Every structure is written in structure tokens, then in C-alpha cells.
Amino acid sequence: MKFLPRLKGPVLSGLGVQGGKIAMRIACVHQGYELYGSDRSFAESVAALRAAFPSAEIEVVLPREGPIVDILEPHASRIVFEPLWVLRRQAMLKLATVEMARLPAALWRAWRRMRDNDLTYINTSIIADYALAARLLPRKALLHIHEIPEGILRKVLVALMRWSRADLIFNSRATRATFGDPPSVDAKGRRTHVVYNGVAGPVAALPTTYDGSRPLRVLLLGRVNRIKGQEVLLEAVASLEGALRDRVEVRLVGGAFESVDREQALAELVGRMGLTGHVEVLPFVSDPADHYRWADIVAVPSRRPESLGRVAIEAMGWGRPPLVSAIGGLVEVVADGETGWHVPPGNAAALAGKLTEIILRPDRWRGFAAAGRARYEAVFSEPIAAAAIVAIVADKLKAPTPRQGRSRVAREAETSP
């Protein structure tokens, strides 16, 4: 176990005591350490809790050091690095065999932390030790679910969710449906909420500059994996007629989770498809602002369900219409024909057809940027999500929020489409 004291932010006195009173204690647990979508969502939730409860003692638990630490430090009283029992698809066999010996110790740590805190905020359903321990202290647990699992992993995570008895936050209606559409309040008093992730964006949308006189710039941001659909976009671009192909430029930005081989395979695929002059493969960056400035549109051609679609939300914030697969939470984010476009998942021919339309008829989507920015501000901005998360936490803690009465914030917590 390793501790990292907070270097910035409000000063807290030791041992959770403030001015003679016991400080509120909140533990925030996350399975990641990078700066992808779920990592940023977690950091935004921690920041919202710090702003709402400035005197609270907030302990953050991570599996290891990583880029996320820098954006957590201003808000956490301390950051703890310790092993977590995380259910990842590629590690299921190992967890069910050699790693099983670690589970009792992990459960003990999780239960002890829950016992010692007023609330434990568990970010994502795949942190099995905390989901299991929540069964013993459900009134102190809040499980925030950001994933749409499939196959055996879905069955395992749904069972864990039900076992935990913790209150639930889903990041979309699609995610909630995947987990069996639990009721807003069940027979045992467990509450369920849907809160769209709040996403930081620029102060205003960038101007639209594409008029058909130069190549269309298409950006794809995301992990290199079986879900994100980089190869679907490549197939679509490769299938364009020669003159049309010369009117499109693509950037694929992102890395694979602990797998250099996947990254190399993607770069090699670009060459084999004859797209070297049309497609750049670039590494992950913590701040993608320059890529959004470069882009005209943003592609999210996911092959499997996205629980929400953070990149599509970011794109609308920047004034870059998203071209997305009509699957999972993406259909809740993008209004087809108004703020962006839907295409069937995994269908390179349909994607190529839509790219052709976008290239040839920019006049048809000139208003998409303004409409997307308006939708971003109304539904997906950071203040809206922060108010919802804080309202749910305050209700569990029976604590007033500093800026609004609990009754008003509670009415705002459930996401509107």
C-alpha cells in the first residue's frame, strides 16, 4: 500500500477532526490510473464532491500511480495506491484461479474502508472487492456504473450489482437497461439514478470552416481495442472512390491498454490498406484540444455498445459534429440529422456512404455545430452532472449542499434526455 498526500487544495486538519468536530469522510475508489473517459469522469466526480463539501476528508483509492494523479491531487485529502480486485474480460480466468487467494484480503480492506468512512463512492461496477463488501454496509456505498458488459462478464457484473445492495448511478439509460433496468426505488429502499457524465469543454464552439474546397478532416479518439472501430473507419475510407478518398484526411489518436502489439497492428493495417497518405496514427494525448481544432467532424464508429460516448459529447462541445454508431448510449448523445449522424455499427459501407454525403454536401450540416453545442450545454456540461452527483451524495449523507437546498438539487439529479 502506498500513500500520496494531497499537495494542493483546502487544508484539512489531521485525523478527520476540524475545529473540534469530526469531519465528513468520503472514500472514492477507481479501477484505473490513465486519462481515458472513465478516468476523467471519476476525477470530475471527486472535484464536484470537494467543491460541495470543502471540509470533508476525501480519500482516493487507485490501483497504481498514473496520469490521473495530477488531476486528482488538488481535490483529494490523500491518494492511496493498493491492489484492487478488478474484473476485466481478459483477466477473468486468472482472477478465478491464481488470483482468488487475494480476494479475502481485498474484501477485508474494502469492508474496513467502508466502515471507517461516511460514504464510499465506487466508480464502475468491475471493482469486485468493493461491490462484494458493500453488501455488509449498503447504506454507506454508492456504485457508479459506466460500462455495458457482454457475455459472461455481464452476468457476473449484474449479479455483483444485485448482491451489493448499494445505491446505483448509471451513466445512461442504455447502461441501466443492460443491468436489467432496476427500479428507481426497490422493495429494500435501494435507489437508482441515471446521470449523464459531465464533460469539460471550451468556452465556446469553434467555427465551422469546411466548405468542400479542401479535404474533410476526420478525427477518431479512443483506445485501440475491439470496441472502438478504428478498422471499420479504415475500411470505409479505403472503399471510397479514388477522387473522394483524396478529399478526406483521418487522424486515429489513442493507445491500447498495456499492449504495444495492438498499436503496431493498427499502424500496419493502415499501410496494408494503402491509406498511408490519408491516415495518421498518433499516440494518446492527455489534452486532445489541438486535435479537435484540426478536425471538421469526429467519428465514433464503435462496433460494440458504448455506455455513453464521452468523445461524442466532447466533439459537440467543440462544435465538431459526431458521426457515431447507432448503438448503446451513443444514440442518447447524438440527435441524428440535428447534431450529428447515426450509422449502423460495424457497417463500413454505410459509414462510407455517410462520409460521401458529408464531403459532397457541407451545406446540409452547417447548423449541426451550433445545435450540438446547445445540446452539450443543456445536457452534458460539467455543472449539470456535478449538481446531480452532489445531490445524490448529499441525500445519502443527509447533508445540505452549500449552494442549493437538497430538495431542489434532488429534483435535478435524474437526467433528462
Protein backbone atom coordinates (compact mmCIF):
# COMPACT_ATOMS: atom_id res chain seq x y z
CA MET A 1 0.00 0.00 0.00
CA LYS A 2 1.30 3.46 -0.83
CA PHE A 3 0.05 6.89 0.21
CA LEU A 4 0.30 10.17 -1.65
CA PRO A 5 -0.63 13.26 0.39
CA ARG A 6 -2.56 15.99 -1.34
CA LEU A 7 -0.31 18.80 -2.47
CA LYS A 8 -2.95 21.45 -3.24
CA GLY A 9 -6.47 22.46 -2.27
CA PRO A 10 -8.11 23.25 1.08
CA VAL A 11 -6.03 22.37 4.11
CA LEU A 12 -7.55 19.67 6.32
CA SER A 13 -6.58 19.08 9.91
CA GLY A 14 -5.38 15.63 10.92
CA LEU A 15 -7.42 12.52 11.61
CA GLY A 16 -10.64 13.95 10.22
CA VAL A 17 -11.10 16.49 13.05
CA GLN A 18 -11.97 20.07 12.11
CA GLY A 19 -12.41 22.77 14.70
CA GLY A 20 -13.38 20.24 17.35
CA LYS A 21 -15.86 18.46 15.08
CA ILE A 22 -15.48 15.17 13.26
CA ALA A 23 -15.05 15.88 9.54
CA MET A 24 -17.16 14.07 6.99
CA ARG A 25 -15.18 11.21 5.46
CA ILE A 26 -15.66 10.12 1.85
CA ALA A 27 -13.70 7.36 0.10
CA CYS A 28 -13.59 7.41 -3.71
CA VAL A 29 -12.43 4.19 -5.38
CA HIS A 30 -11.44 3.84 -9.05
CA GLN A 31 -10.06 0.92 -11.04
CA GLY A 32 -7.96 2.98 -13.49
CA TYR A 33 -4.97 5.28 -13.50
CA GLU A 34 -4.91 6.77 -17.02
CA LEU A 35 -6.85 9.68 -18.55
CA TYR A 36 -9.48 7.99 -20.72
CA GLY A 37 -13.22 8.53 -20.37
CA SER A 38 -14.00 6.70 -17.13
CA ASP A 39 -10.83 8.14 -15.54
CA ARG A 40 -11.84 11.71 -16.35
CA SER A 41 -15.41 11.09 -15.20
CA PHE A 42 -14.09 9.84 -11.87
CA ALA A 43 -11.84 12.88 -11.45
CA GLU A 44 -14.76 15.18 -12.25
CA SER A 45 -16.90 13.47 -9.58
CA VAL A 46 -14.13 13.87 -6.99
CA ALA A 47 -13.78 17.55 -7.91
CA ALA A 48 -17.55 18.02 -7.55
CA LEU A 49 -17.52 16.42 -4.10
CA ARG A 50 -14.64 18.62 -2.98
CA ALA A 51 -16.43 21.77 -4.18
CA ALA A 52 -19.65 20.76 -2.43
CA PHE A 53 -18.03 19.54 0.80
CA PRO A 54 -14.86 21.64 1.21
CA SER A 55 -14.17 20.48 4.76
CA ALA A 56 -14.61 16.77 4.06
CA GLU A 57 -11.76 14.31 4.26
CA ILE A 58 -11.69 12.72 0.81
CA GLU A 59 -9.53 9.64 0.34
CA VAL A 60 -8.95 8.41 -3.22
CA VAL A 61 -8.04 4.75 -3.83
CA LEU A 62 -6.29 3.73 -7.07
CA PRO A 63 -4.55 0.50 -8.14
CA ARG A 64 -1.32 2.29 -9.09
CA GLU A 65 0.23 5.63 -9.99
CA GLY A 66 -0.55 7.15 -13.37
CA PRO A 67 -1.52 10.34 -15.24
CA ILE A 68 -4.84 10.63 -13.36
CA VAL A 69 -2.99 11.51 -10.15
CA ASP A 70 -2.14 15.02 -11.34
CA ILE A 71 -5.78 16.00 -11.80
CA LEU A 72 -6.87 14.33 -8.55
CA GLU A 73 -4.25 15.93 -6.28
CA PRO A 74 -5.98 19.32 -5.95
CA HIS A 75 -9.15 17.66 -4.63
CA ALA A 76 -8.08 14.61 -2.60
CA SER A 77 -7.01 14.74 1.05
CA ARG A 78 -4.83 11.75 0.24
CA ILE A 79 -4.38 9.25 -2.56
CA VAL A 80 -3.81 5.60 -1.69
CA PHE A 81 -2.37 3.00 -4.06
CA GLU A 82 -3.34 -0.56 -3.26
CA PRO A 83 -4.34 -3.75 -5.11
CA LEU A 84 -7.96 -3.89 -6.28
CA TRP A 85 -9.82 -6.99 -7.42
CA VAL A 86 -10.83 -5.68 -10.87
CA LEU A 87 -12.93 -7.83 -13.23
CA ARG A 88 -11.54 -7.30 -16.72
CA ARG A 89 -12.62 -9.55 -19.57
CA GLN A 90 -9.07 -10.53 -20.48
CA ALA A 91 -8.22 -11.39 -16.86
CA MET A 92 -11.30 -13.40 -15.84
CA LEU A 93 -9.54 -16.79 -15.94
CA LYS A 94 -6.64 -15.54 -13.85
CA LEU A 95 -8.97 -13.96 -11.29
CA ALA A 96 -10.98 -17.17 -10.99
CA THR A 97 -7.85 -19.25 -10.34
CA VAL A 98 -4.49 -17.96 -9.13
CA GLU A 99 -5.81 -14.54 -8.05
CA MET A 100 -8.61 -16.00 -5.94
CA ALA A 101 -6.23 -16.22 -2.97
CA ARG A 102 -6.05 -12.41 -2.88
CA LEU A 103 -9.80 -11.93 -2.56
CA PRO A 104 -10.19 -12.36 1.23
CA ALA A 105 -7.57 -9.70 1.94
CA ALA A 106 -9.11 -7.40 -0.66
CA LEU A 107 -12.57 -7.85 0.88
CA TRP A 108 -11.18 -7.09 4.34
CA ARG A 109 -9.57 -3.84 3.11
CA ALA A 110 -12.76 -2.81 1.33
CA TRP A 111 -15.00 -3.54 4.33
CA ARG A 112 -12.68 -1.72 6.72
CA ARG A 113 -12.57 1.36 4.48
CA MET A 114 -16.37 1.40 4.17
CA ARG A 115 -16.72 1.03 7.93
CA ASP A 116 -14.39 3.96 8.58
CA ASN A 117 -15.98 6.35 6.07
CA ASP A 118 -19.38 8.00 5.91
CA LEU A 119 -19.64 7.18 2.21
CA THR A 120 -17.68 5.06 -0.26
CA TYR A 121 -18.11 6.12 -3.89
CA ILE A 122 -17.20 3.17 -6.15
CA ASN A 123 -16.55 4.18 -9.74
CA THR A 124 -17.51 1.39 -12.19
CA SER A 125 -19.04 -1.99 -11.46
CA ILE A 126 -15.90 -4.03 -12.15
CA ILE A 127 -14.29 -3.38 -8.73
CA ALA A 128 -15.43 -6.70 -7.30
CA ASP A 129 -13.98 -6.46 -3.78
CA TYR A 130 -15.87 -3.23 -3.04
CA ALA A 131 -19.10 -4.40 -4.70
CA LEU A 132 -19.00 -7.55 -2.56
CA ALA A 133 -18.17 -5.68 0.64
CA ALA A 134 -20.98 -3.19 0.02
CA ARG A 135 -23.45 -5.95 0.91
CA LEU A 136 -22.43 -5.55 4.56
CA LEU A 137 -22.71 -1.73 4.56
CA PRO A 138 -25.07 -0.81 1.70
CA ARG A 139 -26.15 2.49 3.25
CA LYS A 140 -22.53 3.67 3.02
CA ALA A 141 -21.97 2.62 -0.61
CA LEU A 142 -22.69 4.31 -3.93
CA LEU A 143 -21.91 2.33 -7.08
CA HIS A 144 -21.45 4.40 -10.28
CA ILE A 145 -21.74 2.15 -13.35
CA HIS A 146 -20.14 3.27 -16.61
CA GLU A 147 -19.88 0.08 -18.68
CA ILE A 148 -22.02 -2.08 -20.94
CA PRO A 149 -20.56 -5.57 -20.49
CA GLU A 150 -21.46 -8.54 -22.67
CA GLY A 151 -21.44 -12.31 -22.36
CA ILE A 152 -20.34 -13.96 -19.15
CA LEU A 153 -18.92 -10.71 -17.78
CA ARG A 154 -22.36 -9.10 -17.99
CA LYS A 155 -23.89 -11.94 -15.95
CA VAL A 156 -21.16 -11.61 -13.34
CA LEU A 157 -21.46 -7.82 -13.04
CA VAL A 158 -25.27 -7.87 -12.89
CA ALA A 159 -25.04 -10.45 -10.10
CA LEU A 160 -22.49 -8.29 -8.27
CA MET A 161 -24.70 -5.21 -8.62
CA ARG A 162 -27.68 -7.05 -7.15
CA TRP A 163 -25.61 -8.59 -4.37
CA SER A 164 -24.13 -5.25 -3.31
CA ARG A 165 -27.46 -3.60 -2.41
CA ALA A 166 -25.67 -0.27 -2.88
CA ASP A 167 -27.45 2.74 -4.34
CA LEU A 168 -26.74 2.98 -8.07
CA ILE A 169 -25.86 5.66 -10.60
CA PHE A 170 -25.91 4.70 -14.29
CA ASN A 171 -24.31 6.96 -16.88
CA SER A 172 -27.06 6.36 -19.46
CA ARG A 173 -30.38 4.67 -19.95
CA ALA A 174 -28.64 2.14 -22.18
CA THR A 175 -26.33 1.18 -19.31
CA ARG A 176 -29.27 0.90 -16.94
CA ALA A 177 -31.10 -1.37 -19.42
CA THR A 178 -28.03 -3.61 -19.69
CA PHE A 179 -28.15 -4.15 -15.94
CA GLY A 180 -31.82 -5.13 -16.00
CA ASP A 181 -33.48 -1.72 -15.57
CA PRO A 182 -33.53 -1.69 -11.76
CA PRO A 183 -36.40 0.46 -10.40
CA SER A 184 -35.87 3.97 -9.09
CA VAL A 185 -36.54 2.64 -5.59
CA ASP A 186 -36.72 -1.11 -4.96
CA ALA A 187 -38.51 -3.01 -2.20
CA LYS A 188 -35.49 -2.72 0.10
CA GLY A 189 -35.09 1.01 -0.41
CA ARG A 190 -32.14 0.91 -2.80
CA ARG A 191 -32.21 3.92 -5.13
CA THR A 192 -31.26 4.05 -8.79
CA HIS A 193 -30.39 7.18 -10.78
CA VAL A 194 -29.38 7.96 -14.35
CA VAL A 195 -26.89 10.82 -14.61
CA TYR A 196 -25.10 11.62 -17.84
CA ASN A 197 -21.39 12.27 -17.44
CA GLY A 198 -20.45 15.92 -17.36
CA VAL A 199 -17.66 16.74 -19.77
CA ALA A 200 -15.32 19.73 -19.72
CA GLY A 201 -15.27 21.72 -22.93
CA PRO A 202 -14.12 25.02 -24.38
CA VAL A 203 -15.83 28.29 -23.51
CA ALA A 204 -17.48 28.32 -26.94
CA ALA A 205 -17.69 26.12 -30.01
CA LEU A 206 -15.07 26.63 -32.69
CA PRO A 207 -16.22 28.00 -36.06
CA THR A 208 -17.02 25.56 -38.86
CA THR A 209 -14.58 26.06 -41.74
CA TYR A 210 -15.22 23.11 -44.05
CA ASP A 211 -16.87 24.10 -47.34
CA GLY A 212 -15.80 21.24 -49.60
CA SER A 213 -12.84 23.08 -51.12
CA ARG A 214 -10.26 21.08 -49.12
CA PRO A 215 -10.13 17.54 -47.69
CA LEU A 216 -12.56 16.72 -44.89
CA ARG A 217 -10.68 16.19 -41.63
CA VAL A 218 -12.00 13.22 -39.65
CA LEU A 219 -10.82 12.61 -36.08
CA LEU A 220 -11.16 9.34 -34.14
CA LEU A 221 -10.10 9.49 -30.49
CA GLY A 222 -10.12 6.37 -28.36
CA ARG A 223 -8.43 3.25 -27.11
CA VAL A 224 -7.13 0.82 -29.68
CA ASN A 225 -9.32 -2.20 -28.93
CA ARG A 226 -12.05 -4.43 -30.29
CA ILE A 227 -14.80 -1.94 -29.41
CA LYS A 228 -13.82 1.44 -30.84
CA GLY A 229 -13.99 0.53 -34.55
CA GLN A 230 -10.79 2.01 -35.95
CA GLU A 231 -10.69 -0.74 -38.58
CA VAL A 232 -14.31 0.00 -39.61
CA LEU A 233 -13.41 3.60 -40.36
CA LEU A 234 -10.31 2.47 -42.28
CA GLU A 235 -12.39 0.06 -44.36
CA ALA A 236 -14.91 2.80 -45.11
CA VAL A 237 -12.24 5.26 -46.26
CA ALA A 238 -10.48 2.58 -48.32
CA SER A 239 -13.74 1.79 -50.12
CA LEU A 240 -14.28 5.38 -51.30
CA GLU A 241 -13.83 6.03 -54.99
CA GLY A 242 -10.33 7.41 -55.68
CA ALA A 243 -11.27 11.07 -56.13
CA LEU A 244 -13.40 11.02 -53.00
CA ARG A 245 -10.68 9.29 -50.99
CA ASP A 246 -8.37 12.18 -51.86
CA ARG A 247 -10.90 14.50 -50.22
CA VAL A 248 -10.63 13.01 -46.74
CA GLU A 249 -7.90 13.01 -44.09
CA VAL A 250 -8.09 10.89 -40.93
CA ARG A 251 -6.37 11.02 -37.56
CA LEU A 252 -6.53 7.96 -35.31
CA VAL A 253 -5.45 9.08 -31.83
CA GLY A 254 -5.07 6.76 -28.86
CA GLY A 255 -3.25 3.81 -27.36
CA ALA A 256 -4.02 0.26 -26.31
CA PHE A 257 -4.35 -0.76 -22.67
CA GLU A 258 -0.94 -2.20 -21.80
CA SER A 259 -0.50 -3.61 -25.34
CA VAL A 260 2.07 -2.21 -27.76
CA ASP A 261 1.21 -5.04 -30.17
CA ARG A 262 -2.31 -3.68 -30.78
CA GLU A 263 -0.93 -0.23 -31.55
CA GLN A 264 1.62 -1.62 -34.00
CA ALA A 265 -1.03 -3.80 -35.66
CA LEU A 266 -3.23 -0.74 -36.31
CA ALA A 267 -0.35 1.18 -37.91
CA GLU A 268 0.45 -1.85 -40.09
CA LEU A 269 -3.20 -2.16 -41.14
CA VAL A 270 -3.15 1.42 -42.44
CA GLY A 271 -0.21 0.53 -44.67
CA ARG A 272 -1.72 -2.72 -45.92
CA MET A 273 -4.92 -0.92 -46.90
CA GLY A 274 -3.00 1.66 -48.93
CA LEU A 275 -4.06 4.55 -46.70
CA THR A 276 -0.67 5.83 -45.57
CA GLY A 277 -1.17 9.17 -47.31
CA HIS A 278 -4.67 9.61 -45.92
CA VAL A 279 -4.46 8.35 -42.33
CA GLU A 280 -2.21 9.30 -39.42
CA VAL A 281 -1.91 7.03 -36.38
CA LEU A 282 -0.97 9.13 -33.36
CA PRO A 283 -0.39 8.30 -29.69
CA PHE A 284 -2.70 9.10 -26.79
CA VAL A 285 -2.54 12.68 -25.50
CA SER A 286 -3.91 13.89 -22.19
CA ASP A 287 -5.24 17.08 -23.79
CA PRO A 288 -6.81 16.50 -27.22
CA ALA A 289 -7.65 20.18 -27.80
CA ASP A 290 -5.32 20.55 -30.80
CA HIS A 291 -6.90 17.52 -32.44
CA TYR A 292 -10.39 18.98 -32.06
CA ARG A 293 -9.16 22.26 -33.55
CA TRP A 294 -7.79 20.34 -36.53
CA ALA A 295 -10.95 18.29 -37.12
CA ASP A 296 -14.09 19.05 -39.11
CA ILE A 297 -16.04 16.06 -37.75
CA VAL A 298 -15.38 13.36 -35.15
CA ALA A 299 -16.01 9.67 -35.86
CA VAL A 300 -17.12 7.26 -33.14
CA PRO A 301 -17.68 4.08 -35.21
CA SER A 302 -17.96 1.73 -32.22
CA ARG A 303 -18.51 -1.94 -33.02
CA ARG A 304 -19.89 -2.82 -29.61
CA PRO A 305 -22.13 -0.78 -27.29
CA GLU A 306 -20.71 2.34 -25.69
CA SER A 307 -22.24 3.08 -22.31
CA LEU A 308 -22.44 6.76 -23.25
CA GLY A 309 -19.81 8.20 -25.57
CA ARG A 310 -17.59 10.84 -23.99
CA VAL A 311 -15.77 11.65 -27.23
CA ALA A 312 -19.07 12.38 -28.99
CA ILE A 313 -20.00 14.75 -26.15
CA GLU A 314 -16.61 16.47 -26.30
CA ALA A 315 -17.00 16.81 -30.05
CA MET A 316 -20.32 18.65 -29.68
CA GLY A 317 -18.76 20.92 -27.07
CA TRP A 318 -16.06 21.87 -29.54
CA GLY A 319 -18.55 22.35 -32.39
CA ARG A 320 -17.40 19.26 -34.26
CA PRO A 321 -20.39 17.14 -35.37
CA PRO A 322 -20.01 13.47 -34.36
CA LEU A 323 -20.56 10.58 -36.76
CA VAL A 324 -21.46 7.68 -34.47
CA SER A 325 -22.63 4.09 -34.45
CA ALA A 326 -26.31 3.77 -33.57
CA ILE A 327 -25.63 1.60 -30.55
CA GLY A 328 -25.71 1.87 -26.76
CA GLY A 329 -25.61 5.30 -25.17
CA LEU A 330 -24.39 6.99 -28.34
CA VAL A 331 -27.99 7.31 -29.57
CA GLU A 332 -28.78 9.24 -26.38
CA VAL A 333 -25.90 11.64 -27.01
CA VAL A 334 -26.25 12.46 -30.72
CA ALA A 335 -29.50 13.58 -32.33
CA ASP A 336 -29.35 12.06 -35.82
CA GLY A 337 -29.65 14.69 -38.53
CA GLU A 338 -29.54 17.54 -36.00
CA THR A 339 -26.28 17.45 -34.03
CA GLY A 340 -24.54 14.65 -35.95
CA TRP A 341 -25.17 11.36 -37.73
CA HIS A 342 -26.01 7.75 -36.88
CA VAL A 343 -24.81 4.75 -38.89
CA PRO A 344 -25.30 1.02 -38.21
CA PRO A 345 -22.46 -0.42 -36.07
CA GLY A 346 -19.77 -2.37 -37.90
CA ASN A 347 -21.14 -1.38 -41.32
CA ALA A 348 -18.26 0.08 -43.32
CA ALA A 349 -20.43 0.53 -46.44
CA ALA A 350 -22.96 2.65 -44.54
CA LEU A 351 -20.15 4.65 -42.98
CA ALA A 352 -18.60 5.25 -46.41
CA GLY A 353 -21.96 6.38 -47.75
CA LYS A 354 -22.40 8.88 -44.94
CA LEU A 355 -18.84 10.18 -45.40
CA THR A 356 -19.59 10.71 -49.08
CA GLU A 357 -22.68 12.75 -48.22
CA ILE A 358 -20.75 14.80 -45.66
CA ILE A 359 -17.92 15.51 -48.12
CA LEU A 360 -20.16 16.48 -51.02
CA ARG A 361 -22.91 18.40 -49.20
CA PRO A 362 -21.42 20.51 -46.39
CA ASP A 363 -24.37 22.86 -46.70
CA ARG A 364 -26.65 20.15 -45.25
CA TRP A 365 -24.82 20.07 -41.93
CA ARG A 366 -23.74 23.66 -41.46
CA GLY A 367 -26.10 24.10 -38.50
CA PHE A 368 -25.04 20.92 -36.72
CA ALA A 369 -22.19 22.59 -34.80
CA ALA A 370 -24.44 25.20 -33.15
CA ALA A 371 -27.12 22.61 -32.38
CA GLY A 372 -24.55 20.25 -30.90
CA ARG A 373 -23.06 22.96 -28.71
CA ALA A 374 -26.53 23.89 -27.44
CA ARG A 375 -27.22 20.24 -26.59
CA TYR A 376 -23.86 19.92 -24.86
CA GLU A 377 -24.54 22.96 -22.68
CA ALA A 378 -28.08 21.86 -21.82
CA VAL A 379 -27.44 18.17 -21.07
CA PHE A 380 -23.75 17.25 -20.79
CA SER A 381 -21.86 20.17 -19.25
CA GLU A 382 -19.86 19.68 -16.06
CA PRO A 383 -22.06 21.83 -13.78
CA ILE A 384 -25.19 19.82 -14.57
CA ALA A 385 -23.54 16.46 -13.85
CA ALA A 386 -21.78 17.82 -10.76
CA ALA A 387 -25.07 19.09 -9.30
CA ALA A 388 -26.67 15.70 -9.86
CA ILE A 389 -23.82 13.71 -8.28
CA VAL A 390 -23.65 16.06 -5.30
CA ALA A 391 -27.42 15.86 -4.79
CA ILE A 392 -27.32 12.07 -4.66
CA VAL A 393 -24.35 12.04 -2.28
CA ALA A 394 -25.91 14.72 -0.05
CA ASP A 395 -29.11 12.71 0.14
CA LYS A 396 -27.22 9.60 1.26
CA LEU A 397 -25.26 11.62 3.80
CA LYS A 398 -28.33 13.63 4.82
CA ALA A 399 -26.18 16.71 4.39
CA PRO A 400 -27.19 20.05 2.81
CA THR A 401 -25.22 21.23 -0.20
CA PRO A 402 -23.59 24.66 0.10
CA ARG A 403 -25.23 26.34 -2.86
CA GLN A 404 -28.67 24.80 -3.09
CA GLY A 405 -31.14 23.17 -0.76
CA ARG A 406 -31.27 19.40 -1.03
CA SER A 407 -34.85 19.33 -2.27
CA ARG A 408 -34.08 21.47 -5.30
CA VAL A 409 -30.90 19.60 -6.24
CA ALA A 410 -32.61 16.24 -5.83
CA ARG A 411 -35.15 17.21 -8.47
CA GLU A 412 -32.28 17.93 -10.87
CA ALA A 413 -30.39 14.69 -10.23
CA GLU A 414 -32.25 12.43 -12.61
CA THR A 415 -31.01 13.08 -16.13
CA SER A 416 -33.40 14.39 -18.75
CA PRO A 417 -32.98 13.25 -22.37
